[in-house]
Each structure stands twice: as C-alpha cells, then as structure tokens.
C-alpha cells in the first residue's frame, strides 16, 4: 500500500495523526488476535473431543444395531435448541444453552423392554451430534474473525505503520533540506549585499578624496 503525501507541513501533520492512531490501536489488535487464536485452539480441541466422543458412542451401541429395525423413530424428536451469545475479544459468538426433546408416550407392555434405553441412547447421540455441528459452526466464525484480525494486524504492523514512518521521514528530510537551502541562500544574499555595500562605500570614499 503506497502512502500518498505532499512535501509540506499540512501533509506531515496529517501523516503523523494517522500514524498515532495506528500505533495506539496496535496493542489492542494484538491482544484481540492473541485472544482469538487461543479461543480457536480451545474450540478445535473441543471439536476433536466431541468427534471422538460421537464415534465412541456409536461404537459402544453397535450391540443394539440389530434391534433398531424394531424401533419407531417417530417416538423422539428434537423440540428446541436453545442458543444465546457472548463476546470473545469483541466478536459475538453463539453459545449452546441446551437441547430439549419431545418424546411420545408408548406402551411399556406392548413395546420391547429396551425401547426406554433406546430413547436415552438417541438423546445422547443427538445431543453430541448437535453439539458437534454447533461447535464446528462456532469454530468457522472464530477462524474467520481471527483471520480478519491477523490481516489487519499485519496491515498495520508490516505495511501502514512503516509506510507512514517512511513518508514522514522523507517529508522531514525534504523540509530540513529546504530550510538549509533557504538559510544558505540567505547567507549568500547577505554576503553579496555586504560586498556591494562595501564596494559602494569604497567608491564613496574614493570620490571624497
């Protein structure tokens, strides 16, 4: 990103103001990026744990696979997934507050005795599956926010702040050179004026003689 500027005091003041804004914001952006990076890692670990648990739960219920053909899947359904939100480093992320189910009544006498356990198994699998999907969505949101924050951090730290400093340095050097040149010109002018004055005075003295 090229910093546009002019070699004058107004442009210098504008650049210095922009530089201060970015230098003040830099620690906050770094802190946010670090917090999001830690939260992304924590959520990834949580996601891995949930995926492992879901796989383990499916394996642990393999012994019931032959019985599921007798089960009526209409007996249980997800009623509601309760969500809220909270801020992490200024980013709003969803929070899974709970999962509720609708379980239809069934005859304990006319149904296989394992139906009650089967409903609890489905609740466990559905809850873990929903939490896994939810955590995956949350992870995507956090990773997107982290990437944007990292990009902004790199833009400030590696591009804009060095660019503004370089532009300020160039303007100051130009103004210093201009001032030195002006002073040198003034000295030369004074010297020429003094020389002319000396010649005039000398001529006057000769004329008087």
N, C-alpha and C. Protein backbone atom coordinates (compact mmCIF):
# COMPACT_ATOMS: atom_id res chain seq x y z
N UNK A 1 0.84 -1.20 0.00
CA UNK A 1 0.00 0.00 0.00
C UNK A 1 0.88 1.25 0.00
N UNK A 2 0.73 2.05 -1.05
CA UNK A 2 1.52 3.28 -1.17
C UNK A 2 0.86 4.39 -0.38
N UNK A 3 1.66 5.09 0.40
CA UNK A 3 1.16 6.23 1.18
C UNK A 3 1.28 7.48 0.31
N UNK A 4 0.16 8.12 0.05
CA UNK A 4 0.20 9.35 -0.75
C UNK A 4 0.42 10.55 0.18
N UNK A 5 1.29 11.44 -0.23
CA UNK A 5 1.60 12.61 0.60
C UNK A 5 2.19 13.72 -0.25
N UNK A 6 2.26 14.89 0.33
CA UNK A 6 2.90 16.03 -0.30
C UNK A 6 4.01 16.54 0.62
N UNK A 7 4.97 17.21 0.02
CA UNK A 7 6.11 17.69 0.81
C UNK A 7 5.79 19.03 1.44
N UNK A 8 4.86 19.01 2.41
CA UNK A 8 4.54 20.25 3.12
C UNK A 8 4.13 19.92 4.56
N UNK A 9 3.99 20.97 5.37
CA UNK A 9 3.71 20.81 6.79
C UNK A 9 2.32 20.21 7.04
N UNK A 10 1.33 20.59 6.23
CA UNK A 10 -0.04 20.08 6.39
C UNK A 10 -0.08 18.57 6.18
N UNK A 11 0.58 18.13 5.12
CA UNK A 11 0.64 16.70 4.83
C UNK A 11 1.38 15.96 5.95
N UNK A 12 2.44 16.56 6.46
CA UNK A 12 3.21 15.96 7.56
C UNK A 12 2.34 15.77 8.80
N UNK A 13 1.58 16.80 9.15
CA UNK A 13 0.70 16.71 10.33
C UNK A 13 -0.37 15.63 10.14
N UNK A 14 -0.91 15.53 8.93
CA UNK A 14 -1.92 14.51 8.64
C UNK A 14 -1.35 13.11 8.77
N UNK A 15 -0.15 12.90 8.27
CA UNK A 15 0.51 11.58 8.36
C UNK A 15 0.83 11.24 9.81
N UNK A 16 1.31 12.22 10.57
CA UNK A 16 1.64 11.98 11.98
C UNK A 16 0.39 11.60 12.77
N UNK A 17 -0.74 12.22 12.43
CA UNK A 17 -2.01 11.89 13.10
C UNK A 17 -2.43 10.45 12.78
N UNK A 18 -2.34 10.07 11.51
CA UNK A 18 -2.70 8.70 11.10
C UNK A 18 -1.77 7.67 11.74
N UNK A 19 -0.51 8.01 11.85
CA UNK A 19 0.46 7.11 12.47
C UNK A 19 0.13 6.88 13.93
N UNK A 20 -0.19 7.97 14.65
CA UNK A 20 -0.53 7.85 16.08
C UNK A 20 -1.76 6.98 16.28
N UNK A 21 -2.77 7.15 15.41
CA UNK A 21 -3.99 6.35 15.51
C UNK A 21 -3.66 4.85 15.41
N UNK A 22 -2.83 4.51 14.46
CA UNK A 22 -2.47 3.11 14.24
C UNK A 22 -1.57 2.56 15.35
N UNK A 23 -0.65 3.39 15.82
CA UNK A 23 0.24 2.94 16.90
C UNK A 23 -0.54 2.73 18.20
N UNK A 24 -1.56 3.57 18.43
CA UNK A 24 -2.40 3.38 19.63
C UNK A 24 -3.26 2.13 19.51
N UNK A 25 -3.75 1.86 18.30
CA UNK A 25 -4.64 0.71 18.08
C UNK A 25 -3.90 -0.61 18.06
N UNK A 26 -2.61 -0.58 17.76
CA UNK A 26 -1.83 -1.81 17.57
C UNK A 26 -1.87 -2.76 18.77
N UNK A 27 -1.63 -2.29 20.02
CA UNK A 27 -1.68 -3.21 21.16
C UNK A 27 -3.04 -3.89 21.33
N UNK A 28 -4.12 -3.13 21.06
CA UNK A 28 -5.47 -3.70 21.17
C UNK A 28 -5.69 -4.78 20.13
N UNK A 29 -5.24 -4.53 18.90
CA UNK A 29 -5.39 -5.52 17.83
C UNK A 29 -4.57 -6.76 18.14
N UNK A 30 -3.36 -6.56 18.66
CA UNK A 30 -2.51 -7.71 19.03
C UNK A 30 -3.18 -8.54 20.10
N UNK A 31 -3.73 -7.86 21.11
CA UNK A 31 -4.41 -8.56 22.21
C UNK A 31 -5.62 -9.34 21.69
N UNK A 32 -6.39 -8.71 20.79
CA UNK A 32 -7.56 -9.36 20.21
C UNK A 32 -7.15 -10.58 19.39
N UNK A 33 -6.11 -10.42 18.59
CA UNK A 33 -5.64 -11.53 17.74
C UNK A 33 -5.16 -12.70 18.59
N UNK A 34 -4.48 -12.39 19.69
CA UNK A 34 -3.98 -13.44 20.59
C UNK A 34 -5.13 -14.16 21.28
N UNK A 35 -6.13 -13.38 21.73
CA UNK A 35 -7.30 -13.98 22.40
C UNK A 35 -8.07 -14.88 21.45
N UNK A 36 -8.25 -14.41 20.19
CA UNK A 36 -8.97 -15.21 19.20
C UNK A 36 -8.18 -16.47 18.83
N UNK A 37 -6.87 -16.34 18.76
CA UNK A 37 -6.04 -17.51 18.44
C UNK A 37 -6.17 -18.59 19.53
N UNK A 38 -6.17 -18.15 20.79
CA UNK A 38 -6.33 -19.09 21.91
C UNK A 38 -7.72 -19.72 21.90
N UNK A 39 -8.74 -18.90 21.59
CA UNK A 39 -10.12 -19.41 21.56
C UNK A 39 -10.31 -20.39 20.41
N UNK A 40 -9.68 -20.11 19.28
CA UNK A 40 -9.74 -21.04 18.14
C UNK A 40 -9.12 -22.38 18.52
N UNK A 41 -7.98 -22.34 19.19
CA UNK A 41 -7.32 -23.59 19.62
C UNK A 41 -8.21 -24.35 20.60
N UNK A 42 -8.79 -23.61 21.56
CA UNK A 42 -9.65 -24.25 22.56
C UNK A 42 -10.87 -24.90 21.89
N UNK A 43 -11.45 -24.19 20.93
CA UNK A 43 -12.64 -24.71 20.24
C UNK A 43 -12.27 -25.90 19.35
N UNK A 44 -11.09 -25.86 18.74
CA UNK A 44 -10.62 -27.01 17.94
C UNK A 44 -10.47 -28.25 18.82
N UNK A 45 -9.88 -28.05 20.00
CA UNK A 45 -9.72 -29.16 20.94
C UNK A 45 -11.09 -29.71 21.37
N UNK A 46 -12.02 -28.78 21.60
CA UNK A 46 -13.38 -29.18 21.98
C UNK A 46 -14.05 -29.96 20.84
N UNK A 47 -13.84 -29.50 19.61
CA UNK A 47 -14.40 -30.16 18.44
C UNK A 47 -13.84 -31.58 18.29
N UNK A 48 -12.54 -31.71 18.47
CA UNK A 48 -11.90 -33.03 18.38
C UNK A 48 -12.44 -33.97 19.44
N UNK A 49 -12.61 -33.44 20.66
CA UNK A 49 -13.13 -34.26 21.76
C UNK A 49 -14.56 -34.72 21.47
N UNK A 50 -15.38 -33.84 20.92
CA UNK A 50 -16.77 -34.18 20.61
C UNK A 50 -16.84 -35.22 19.48
N UNK A 51 -16.01 -35.07 18.46
CA UNK A 51 -15.98 -36.03 17.36
C UNK A 51 -15.55 -37.41 17.85
N UNK A 52 -14.56 -37.40 18.76
CA UNK A 52 -14.09 -38.67 19.33
C UNK A 52 -15.19 -39.31 20.16
N UNK A 53 -15.88 -38.48 20.95
CA UNK A 53 -16.98 -38.98 21.79
C UNK A 53 -18.10 -39.55 20.94
N UNK A 54 -18.46 -38.85 19.86
CA UNK A 54 -19.55 -39.31 18.99
C UNK A 54 -19.20 -40.65 18.35
N UNK A 55 -17.97 -40.75 17.89
CA UNK A 55 -17.52 -42.01 17.28
C UNK A 55 -17.51 -43.13 18.32
N UNK A 56 -17.05 -42.80 19.53
CA UNK A 56 -17.01 -43.79 20.60
C UNK A 56 -18.41 -44.24 20.99
N UNK A 57 -19.36 -43.27 21.05
CA UNK A 57 -20.74 -43.61 21.41
C UNK A 57 -21.37 -44.52 20.36
N UNK A 58 -21.13 -44.23 19.09
CA UNK A 58 -21.67 -45.09 18.03
C UNK A 58 -21.13 -46.51 18.15
N UNK A 59 -19.83 -46.62 18.43
CA UNK A 59 -19.22 -47.95 18.57
C UNK A 59 -19.79 -48.69 19.78
N UNK A 60 -20.00 -47.94 20.86
CA UNK A 60 -20.47 -48.59 22.09
C UNK A 60 -21.90 -49.11 21.96
N UNK A 61 -22.65 -48.58 21.00
CA UNK A 61 -24.03 -49.02 20.81
C UNK A 61 -24.19 -49.96 19.62
N UNK A 62 -23.07 -50.47 19.11
CA UNK A 62 -23.13 -51.41 17.99
C UNK A 62 -23.95 -52.65 18.33
N UNK A 63 -23.90 -53.04 19.61
CA UNK A 63 -24.60 -54.26 20.00
C UNK A 63 -26.12 -54.14 19.82
N UNK A 64 -26.61 -52.88 19.71
CA UNK A 64 -28.05 -52.67 19.56
C UNK A 64 -28.47 -52.51 18.10
N UNK A 65 -27.50 -52.56 17.17
CA UNK A 65 -27.81 -52.26 15.77
C UNK A 65 -28.88 -53.17 15.19
N UNK A 66 -28.88 -54.42 15.60
CA UNK A 66 -29.87 -55.35 15.05
C UNK A 66 -31.27 -55.07 15.57
N UNK A 67 -31.36 -54.35 16.69
CA UNK A 67 -32.67 -54.08 17.30
C UNK A 67 -33.35 -52.83 16.75
N UNK A 68 -32.56 -51.93 16.10
CA UNK A 68 -33.12 -50.64 15.70
C UNK A 68 -34.23 -50.78 14.66
N UNK A 69 -34.27 -51.90 13.94
CA UNK A 69 -35.34 -52.09 12.95
C UNK A 69 -36.71 -52.18 13.62
N UNK A 70 -36.71 -52.53 14.91
CA UNK A 70 -37.98 -52.61 15.65
C UNK A 70 -38.40 -51.26 16.23
N UNK A 71 -37.47 -50.33 16.25
CA UNK A 71 -37.73 -49.06 16.94
C UNK A 71 -38.50 -48.11 16.04
N UNK A 72 -39.44 -47.39 16.63
CA UNK A 72 -40.22 -46.39 15.90
C UNK A 72 -39.54 -45.03 16.06
N UNK A 73 -38.88 -44.51 14.99
CA UNK A 73 -38.13 -43.24 15.12
C UNK A 73 -39.02 -42.04 15.41
N UNK A 74 -40.35 -42.21 15.22
CA UNK A 74 -41.27 -41.08 15.49
C UNK A 74 -41.47 -40.86 16.99
N UNK A 75 -40.94 -41.75 17.80
CA UNK A 75 -41.12 -41.62 19.25
C UNK A 75 -40.35 -40.43 19.84
N UNK A 76 -39.28 -40.02 19.15
CA UNK A 76 -38.44 -38.94 19.70
C UNK A 76 -38.09 -37.94 18.61
N UNK A 77 -38.12 -36.69 18.96
CA UNK A 77 -37.76 -35.61 18.03
C UNK A 77 -37.16 -34.46 18.82
N UNK A 78 -36.30 -33.71 18.16
CA UNK A 78 -35.71 -32.52 18.80
C UNK A 78 -36.77 -31.42 18.83
N UNK A 79 -37.08 -30.95 20.02
CA UNK A 79 -38.08 -29.89 20.17
C UNK A 79 -37.44 -28.51 19.97
N UNK A 80 -36.30 -28.30 20.63
CA UNK A 80 -35.70 -26.96 20.58
C UNK A 80 -34.21 -27.02 20.89
N UNK A 81 -33.47 -26.18 20.21
CA UNK A 81 -32.05 -25.98 20.51
C UNK A 81 -31.91 -24.56 21.02
N UNK A 82 -31.64 -24.41 22.32
CA UNK A 82 -31.57 -23.08 22.93
C UNK A 82 -30.19 -22.46 22.72
N UNK A 83 -30.19 -21.25 22.18
CA UNK A 83 -28.93 -20.55 21.91
C UNK A 83 -28.94 -19.18 22.56
N UNK A 84 -27.76 -18.73 22.91
CA UNK A 84 -27.56 -17.34 23.34
C UNK A 84 -26.27 -16.88 22.68
N UNK A 85 -25.74 -15.77 23.12
CA UNK A 85 -24.49 -15.29 22.52
C UNK A 85 -23.64 -14.60 23.58
N UNK A 86 -22.36 -14.53 23.30
CA UNK A 86 -21.44 -13.80 24.16
C UNK A 86 -20.31 -13.24 23.32
N UNK A 87 -19.59 -12.30 23.88
CA UNK A 87 -18.49 -11.68 23.15
C UNK A 87 -17.16 -12.28 23.57
N UNK A 88 -16.36 -12.61 22.58
CA UNK A 88 -14.99 -13.06 22.82
C UNK A 88 -14.08 -12.13 22.03
N UNK A 89 -13.31 -11.32 22.74
CA UNK A 89 -12.40 -10.35 22.10
C UNK A 89 -13.15 -9.47 21.11
N UNK A 90 -14.36 -9.06 21.50
CA UNK A 90 -15.14 -8.17 20.66
C UNK A 90 -15.93 -8.85 19.56
N UNK A 91 -15.83 -10.17 19.47
CA UNK A 91 -16.54 -10.93 18.44
C UNK A 91 -17.72 -11.67 19.08
N UNK A 92 -18.90 -11.47 18.53
CA UNK A 92 -20.09 -12.15 19.06
C UNK A 92 -20.12 -13.59 18.54
N UNK A 93 -20.14 -14.54 19.47
CA UNK A 93 -20.20 -15.96 19.09
C UNK A 93 -21.42 -16.60 19.77
N UNK A 94 -22.00 -17.61 19.13
CA UNK A 94 -23.17 -18.28 19.72
C UNK A 94 -22.77 -19.20 20.86
N UNK A 95 -23.68 -19.38 21.79
CA UNK A 95 -23.48 -20.28 22.93
C UNK A 95 -24.64 -21.27 22.95
N UNK A 96 -24.32 -22.54 23.01
CA UNK A 96 -25.35 -23.59 23.07
C UNK A 96 -25.78 -23.75 24.53
N UNK A 97 -27.01 -23.38 24.82
CA UNK A 97 -27.50 -23.42 26.20
C UNK A 97 -28.18 -24.74 26.55
N UNK A 98 -28.72 -25.42 25.57
CA UNK A 98 -29.38 -26.69 25.88
C UNK A 98 -30.17 -27.23 24.70
N UNK A 99 -30.50 -28.51 24.78
CA UNK A 99 -31.27 -29.19 23.73
C UNK A 99 -32.44 -29.90 24.42
N UNK A 100 -33.63 -29.66 23.92
CA UNK A 100 -34.80 -30.34 24.50
C UNK A 100 -35.44 -31.25 23.46
N UNK A 101 -36.05 -32.33 23.93
CA UNK A 101 -36.64 -33.34 23.05
C UNK A 101 -38.12 -33.52 23.36
N UNK A 102 -38.86 -33.91 22.34
CA UNK A 102 -40.23 -34.37 22.50
C UNK A 102 -40.23 -35.89 22.42
N UNK A 103 -40.72 -36.52 23.46
CA UNK A 103 -40.81 -37.98 23.48
C UNK A 103 -42.29 -38.37 23.57
N UNK A 104 -42.73 -39.11 22.57
CA UNK A 104 -44.13 -39.55 22.56
C UNK A 104 -44.32 -40.70 23.54
N UNK A 105 -45.50 -40.77 24.09
CA UNK A 105 -45.80 -41.88 25.00
C UNK A 105 -45.94 -43.18 24.21
N UNK A 106 -45.52 -44.23 24.83
CA UNK A 106 -45.65 -45.55 24.19
C UNK A 106 -45.95 -46.57 25.28
N UNK A 107 -46.51 -47.65 24.88
CA UNK A 107 -46.91 -48.69 25.82
C UNK A 107 -45.70 -49.50 26.26
N UNK A 108 -45.45 -49.48 27.56
CA UNK A 108 -44.35 -50.27 28.10
C UNK A 108 -44.63 -51.77 28.01
N UNK A 109 -45.92 -52.10 27.92
CA UNK A 109 -46.29 -53.52 27.87
C UNK A 109 -46.21 -54.07 26.46
N UNK A 110 -46.55 -53.22 25.45
CA UNK A 110 -46.59 -53.69 24.07
C UNK A 110 -45.30 -53.42 23.30
N UNK A 111 -44.34 -52.72 23.95
CA UNK A 111 -43.07 -52.39 23.28
C UNK A 111 -41.94 -53.22 23.88
N UNK A 112 -40.89 -53.46 23.09
CA UNK A 112 -39.74 -54.19 23.63
C UNK A 112 -39.19 -53.47 24.86
N UNK A 113 -38.67 -54.20 25.81
CA UNK A 113 -38.18 -53.59 27.05
C UNK A 113 -37.01 -52.63 26.86
N UNK A 114 -36.32 -52.76 25.74
CA UNK A 114 -35.15 -51.91 25.52
C UNK A 114 -35.51 -50.54 24.92
N UNK A 115 -36.81 -50.29 24.61
CA UNK A 115 -37.22 -49.03 23.98
C UNK A 115 -36.84 -47.82 24.84
N UNK A 116 -37.04 -47.94 26.17
CA UNK A 116 -36.73 -46.81 27.05
C UNK A 116 -35.24 -46.48 26.98
N UNK A 117 -34.40 -47.52 27.03
CA UNK A 117 -32.95 -47.30 26.89
C UNK A 117 -32.62 -46.75 25.50
N UNK A 118 -33.34 -47.24 24.48
CA UNK A 118 -33.10 -46.77 23.12
C UNK A 118 -33.36 -45.28 22.98
N UNK A 119 -34.40 -44.79 23.64
CA UNK A 119 -34.69 -43.35 23.60
C UNK A 119 -33.55 -42.55 24.23
N UNK A 120 -33.05 -43.03 25.36
CA UNK A 120 -31.92 -42.34 26.02
C UNK A 120 -30.67 -42.37 25.16
N UNK A 121 -30.45 -43.50 24.47
CA UNK A 121 -29.31 -43.61 23.56
C UNK A 121 -29.42 -42.56 22.45
N UNK A 122 -30.60 -42.45 21.86
CA UNK A 122 -30.81 -41.47 20.78
C UNK A 122 -30.65 -40.04 21.29
N UNK A 123 -31.10 -39.80 22.51
CA UNK A 123 -30.91 -38.46 23.10
C UNK A 123 -29.42 -38.13 23.20
N UNK A 124 -28.66 -39.11 23.69
CA UNK A 124 -27.22 -38.90 23.86
C UNK A 124 -26.54 -38.66 22.52
N UNK A 125 -26.86 -39.52 21.52
CA UNK A 125 -26.24 -39.39 20.21
C UNK A 125 -26.64 -38.08 19.53
N UNK A 126 -27.94 -37.74 19.63
CA UNK A 126 -28.42 -36.50 19.00
C UNK A 126 -27.79 -35.28 19.67
N UNK A 127 -27.69 -35.30 20.99
CA UNK A 127 -27.11 -34.16 21.72
C UNK A 127 -25.65 -33.96 21.34
N UNK A 128 -24.90 -35.06 21.30
CA UNK A 128 -23.48 -34.97 20.94
C UNK A 128 -23.33 -34.52 19.49
N UNK A 129 -24.20 -35.06 18.60
CA UNK A 129 -24.14 -34.68 17.19
C UNK A 129 -24.45 -33.21 16.98
N UNK A 130 -25.50 -32.71 17.65
CA UNK A 130 -25.86 -31.29 17.53
C UNK A 130 -24.76 -30.40 18.10
N UNK A 131 -24.21 -30.79 19.24
CA UNK A 131 -23.13 -30.00 19.85
C UNK A 131 -21.90 -29.98 18.94
N UNK A 132 -21.64 -31.11 18.27
CA UNK A 132 -20.50 -31.18 17.35
C UNK A 132 -20.71 -30.23 16.17
N UNK A 133 -21.92 -30.26 15.59
CA UNK A 133 -22.24 -29.36 14.48
C UNK A 133 -22.17 -27.90 14.92
N UNK A 134 -22.71 -27.63 16.08
CA UNK A 134 -22.70 -26.27 16.61
C UNK A 134 -21.27 -25.79 16.84
N UNK A 135 -20.43 -26.65 17.42
CA UNK A 135 -19.04 -26.28 17.69
C UNK A 135 -18.29 -26.04 16.39
N UNK A 136 -18.61 -26.83 15.33
CA UNK A 136 -17.99 -26.62 14.03
C UNK A 136 -18.36 -25.26 13.45
N UNK A 137 -19.62 -24.86 13.61
CA UNK A 137 -20.07 -23.55 13.14
C UNK A 137 -19.37 -22.43 13.92
N UNK A 138 -19.30 -22.60 15.23
CA UNK A 138 -18.62 -21.62 16.07
C UNK A 138 -17.15 -21.49 15.69
N UNK A 139 -16.51 -22.63 15.41
CA UNK A 139 -15.10 -22.64 15.02
C UNK A 139 -14.89 -21.85 13.72
N UNK A 140 -15.79 -22.04 12.75
CA UNK A 140 -15.67 -21.31 11.48
C UNK A 140 -15.78 -19.80 11.71
N UNK A 141 -16.71 -19.40 12.58
CA UNK A 141 -16.88 -17.98 12.88
C UNK A 141 -15.63 -17.40 13.54
N UNK A 142 -15.09 -18.15 14.48
CA UNK A 142 -13.89 -17.69 15.20
C UNK A 142 -12.68 -17.63 14.27
N UNK A 143 -12.53 -18.63 13.40
CA UNK A 143 -11.40 -18.64 12.48
C UNK A 143 -11.49 -17.49 11.49
N UNK A 144 -12.72 -17.19 11.03
CA UNK A 144 -12.90 -16.07 10.11
C UNK A 144 -12.54 -14.75 10.80
N UNK A 145 -13.00 -14.57 12.04
CA UNK A 145 -12.68 -13.35 12.80
C UNK A 145 -11.19 -13.26 13.08
N UNK A 146 -10.57 -14.40 13.39
CA UNK A 146 -9.13 -14.42 13.66
C UNK A 146 -8.33 -14.06 12.41
N UNK A 147 -8.74 -14.60 11.26
CA UNK A 147 -8.04 -14.28 10.00
C UNK A 147 -8.13 -12.79 9.68
N UNK A 148 -9.33 -12.23 9.84
CA UNK A 148 -9.50 -10.80 9.57
C UNK A 148 -8.66 -9.95 10.51
N UNK A 149 -8.61 -10.35 11.79
CA UNK A 149 -7.82 -9.60 12.78
C UNK A 149 -6.34 -9.72 12.47
N UNK A 150 -5.89 -10.91 12.07
CA UNK A 150 -4.48 -11.12 11.71
C UNK A 150 -4.12 -10.28 10.49
N UNK A 151 -5.04 -10.23 9.51
CA UNK A 151 -4.79 -9.42 8.31
C UNK A 151 -4.66 -7.95 8.67
N UNK A 152 -5.54 -7.48 9.57
CA UNK A 152 -5.47 -6.07 10.00
C UNK A 152 -4.19 -5.80 10.76
N UNK A 153 -3.81 -6.75 11.63
CA UNK A 153 -2.57 -6.61 12.39
C UNK A 153 -1.36 -6.51 11.45
N UNK A 154 -1.31 -7.40 10.46
CA UNK A 154 -0.20 -7.39 9.50
C UNK A 154 -0.20 -6.10 8.68
N UNK A 155 -1.42 -5.63 8.31
CA UNK A 155 -1.53 -4.40 7.54
C UNK A 155 -0.97 -3.22 8.32
N UNK A 156 -1.35 -3.12 9.61
CA UNK A 156 -0.86 -2.03 10.45
C UNK A 156 0.64 -2.18 10.72
N UNK A 157 1.03 -3.38 11.17
CA UNK A 157 2.38 -3.60 11.69
C UNK A 157 3.43 -3.65 10.58
N UNK A 158 3.09 -4.26 9.44
CA UNK A 158 4.10 -4.51 8.40
C UNK A 158 3.99 -3.58 7.19
N UNK A 159 2.84 -2.91 7.05
CA UNK A 159 2.65 -2.08 5.85
C UNK A 159 2.43 -0.61 6.21
N UNK A 160 1.32 -0.34 6.91
CA UNK A 160 0.93 1.06 7.10
C UNK A 160 1.85 1.83 8.05
N UNK A 161 2.14 1.27 9.21
CA UNK A 161 3.00 1.99 10.17
C UNK A 161 4.38 2.25 9.59
N UNK A 162 5.06 1.22 9.00
CA UNK A 162 6.35 1.51 8.35
C UNK A 162 6.20 2.51 7.20
N UNK A 163 5.08 2.41 6.44
CA UNK A 163 4.85 3.31 5.31
C UNK A 163 4.70 4.75 5.77
N UNK A 164 3.91 4.96 6.83
CA UNK A 164 3.73 6.32 7.36
C UNK A 164 5.04 6.86 7.91
N UNK A 165 5.79 6.02 8.63
CA UNK A 165 7.08 6.46 9.19
C UNK A 165 8.04 6.87 8.07
N UNK A 166 8.06 6.08 6.99
CA UNK A 166 8.95 6.38 5.87
C UNK A 166 8.54 7.69 5.19
N UNK A 167 7.23 7.88 5.01
CA UNK A 167 6.74 9.11 4.38
C UNK A 167 7.06 10.33 5.24
N UNK A 168 6.86 10.20 6.56
CA UNK A 168 7.16 11.30 7.49
C UNK A 168 8.65 11.63 7.44
N UNK A 169 9.47 10.58 7.41
CA UNK A 169 10.93 10.79 7.35
C UNK A 169 11.33 11.54 6.06
N UNK A 170 10.70 11.17 4.95
CA UNK A 170 11.01 11.83 3.67
C UNK A 170 10.59 13.30 3.68
N UNK A 171 9.41 13.57 4.23
CA UNK A 171 8.93 14.96 4.29
C UNK A 171 9.84 15.79 5.18
N UNK A 172 10.20 15.23 6.35
CA UNK A 172 11.06 15.98 7.28
C UNK A 172 12.43 16.25 6.66
N UNK A 173 12.95 15.24 5.96
CA UNK A 173 14.26 15.42 5.32
C UNK A 173 14.18 16.49 4.23
N UNK A 174 13.07 16.45 3.48
CA UNK A 174 12.88 17.45 2.42
C UNK A 174 12.77 18.85 3.02
N UNK A 175 11.99 18.96 4.11
CA UNK A 175 11.80 20.27 4.74
C UNK A 175 13.10 20.77 5.37
N UNK A 176 13.89 19.83 5.93
CA UNK A 176 15.19 20.22 6.50
C UNK A 176 16.14 20.69 5.40
N UNK A 177 16.12 19.95 4.27
CA UNK A 177 16.98 20.35 3.14
C UNK A 177 16.55 21.70 2.59
N UNK A 178 15.22 21.88 2.54
CA UNK A 178 14.68 23.14 2.03
C UNK A 178 15.07 24.30 2.96
N UNK A 179 15.01 24.02 4.27
CA UNK A 179 15.38 25.05 5.24
C UNK A 179 16.87 25.38 5.15
N UNK A 180 17.68 24.32 5.01
CA UNK A 180 19.13 24.53 4.88
C UNK A 180 19.45 25.33 3.62
N UNK A 181 18.74 24.97 2.53
CA UNK A 181 18.96 25.68 1.27
C UNK A 181 18.55 27.14 1.41
N UNK A 182 17.44 27.36 2.12
CA UNK A 182 16.96 28.73 2.32
C UNK A 182 17.96 29.54 3.14
N UNK A 183 18.49 28.88 4.21
CA UNK A 183 19.48 29.57 5.04
C UNK A 183 20.74 29.89 4.25
N UNK A 184 21.15 28.90 3.43
CA UNK A 184 22.35 29.11 2.61
C UNK A 184 22.13 30.25 1.63
N UNK A 185 20.94 30.28 1.03
CA UNK A 185 20.61 31.36 0.07
C UNK A 185 20.63 32.71 0.77
N UNK A 186 20.08 32.74 1.99
CA UNK A 186 20.06 34.00 2.75
C UNK A 186 21.48 34.46 3.08
N UNK A 187 22.34 33.51 3.44
CA UNK A 187 23.74 33.85 3.74
C UNK A 187 24.43 34.42 2.51
N UNK A 188 24.17 33.76 1.36
CA UNK A 188 24.79 34.23 0.12
C UNK A 188 24.29 35.63 -0.23
N UNK A 189 22.97 35.82 -0.04
CA UNK A 189 22.39 37.14 -0.33
C UNK A 189 22.98 38.20 0.58
N UNK A 190 23.09 37.84 1.87
CA UNK A 190 23.68 38.82 2.81
C UNK A 190 25.13 39.12 2.45
N UNK A 191 25.84 38.09 2.09
CA UNK A 191 27.25 38.28 1.72
C UNK A 191 27.36 39.17 0.49
N UNK A 192 26.49 38.93 -0.50
CA UNK A 192 26.51 39.75 -1.72
C UNK A 192 26.14 41.19 -1.40
N UNK A 193 25.11 41.33 -0.51
CA UNK A 193 24.69 42.68 -0.12
C UNK A 193 25.82 43.41 0.59
N UNK A 194 26.49 42.69 1.50
CA UNK A 194 27.61 43.29 2.23
C UNK A 194 28.75 43.65 1.29
N UNK A 195 28.95 42.78 0.28
CA UNK A 195 30.02 43.03 -0.69
C UNK A 195 29.72 44.27 -1.53
N UNK A 196 28.42 44.34 -1.97
CA UNK A 196 28.02 45.51 -2.77
C UNK A 196 28.11 46.79 -1.93
N UNK A 197 27.66 46.65 -0.65
CA UNK A 197 27.72 47.82 0.24
C UNK A 197 29.17 48.26 0.45
N UNK A 198 30.07 47.30 0.58
CA UNK A 198 31.49 47.63 0.78
C UNK A 198 32.06 48.33 -0.45
N UNK A 199 31.65 47.83 -1.65
CA UNK A 199 32.14 48.45 -2.90
C UNK A 199 31.63 49.89 -3.00
N UNK A 200 30.33 50.06 -2.69
CA UNK A 200 29.73 51.40 -2.75
C UNK A 200 30.43 52.35 -1.78
N UNK A 201 30.67 51.84 -0.55
CA UNK A 201 31.34 52.68 0.45
C UNK A 201 32.75 53.05 0.01
N UNK A 202 33.42 52.10 -0.62
CA UNK A 202 34.79 52.35 -1.08
C UNK A 202 34.80 53.41 -2.16
N UNK A 203 33.82 53.33 -3.07
CA UNK A 203 33.71 54.31 -4.14
C UNK A 203 33.42 55.69 -3.59
N UNK A 204 32.55 55.71 -2.57
CA UNK A 204 32.23 57.00 -1.94
C UNK A 204 33.47 57.62 -1.33
N UNK A 205 34.25 56.76 -0.66
CA UNK A 205 35.47 57.26 -0.02
C UNK A 205 36.45 57.77 -1.06
N UNK A 206 36.56 57.06 -2.22
CA UNK A 206 37.47 57.49 -3.28
C UNK A 206 37.01 58.81 -3.89
N UNK A 207 35.67 58.94 -4.04
CA UNK A 207 35.13 60.16 -4.61
C UNK A 207 35.37 61.35 -3.68
N UNK A 208 35.32 61.11 -2.41
CA UNK A 208 35.51 62.18 -1.44
C UNK A 208 36.96 62.64 -1.46
N UNK A 209 37.85 61.67 -1.73
CA UNK A 209 39.26 62.01 -1.79
C UNK A 209 39.52 62.80 -3.08
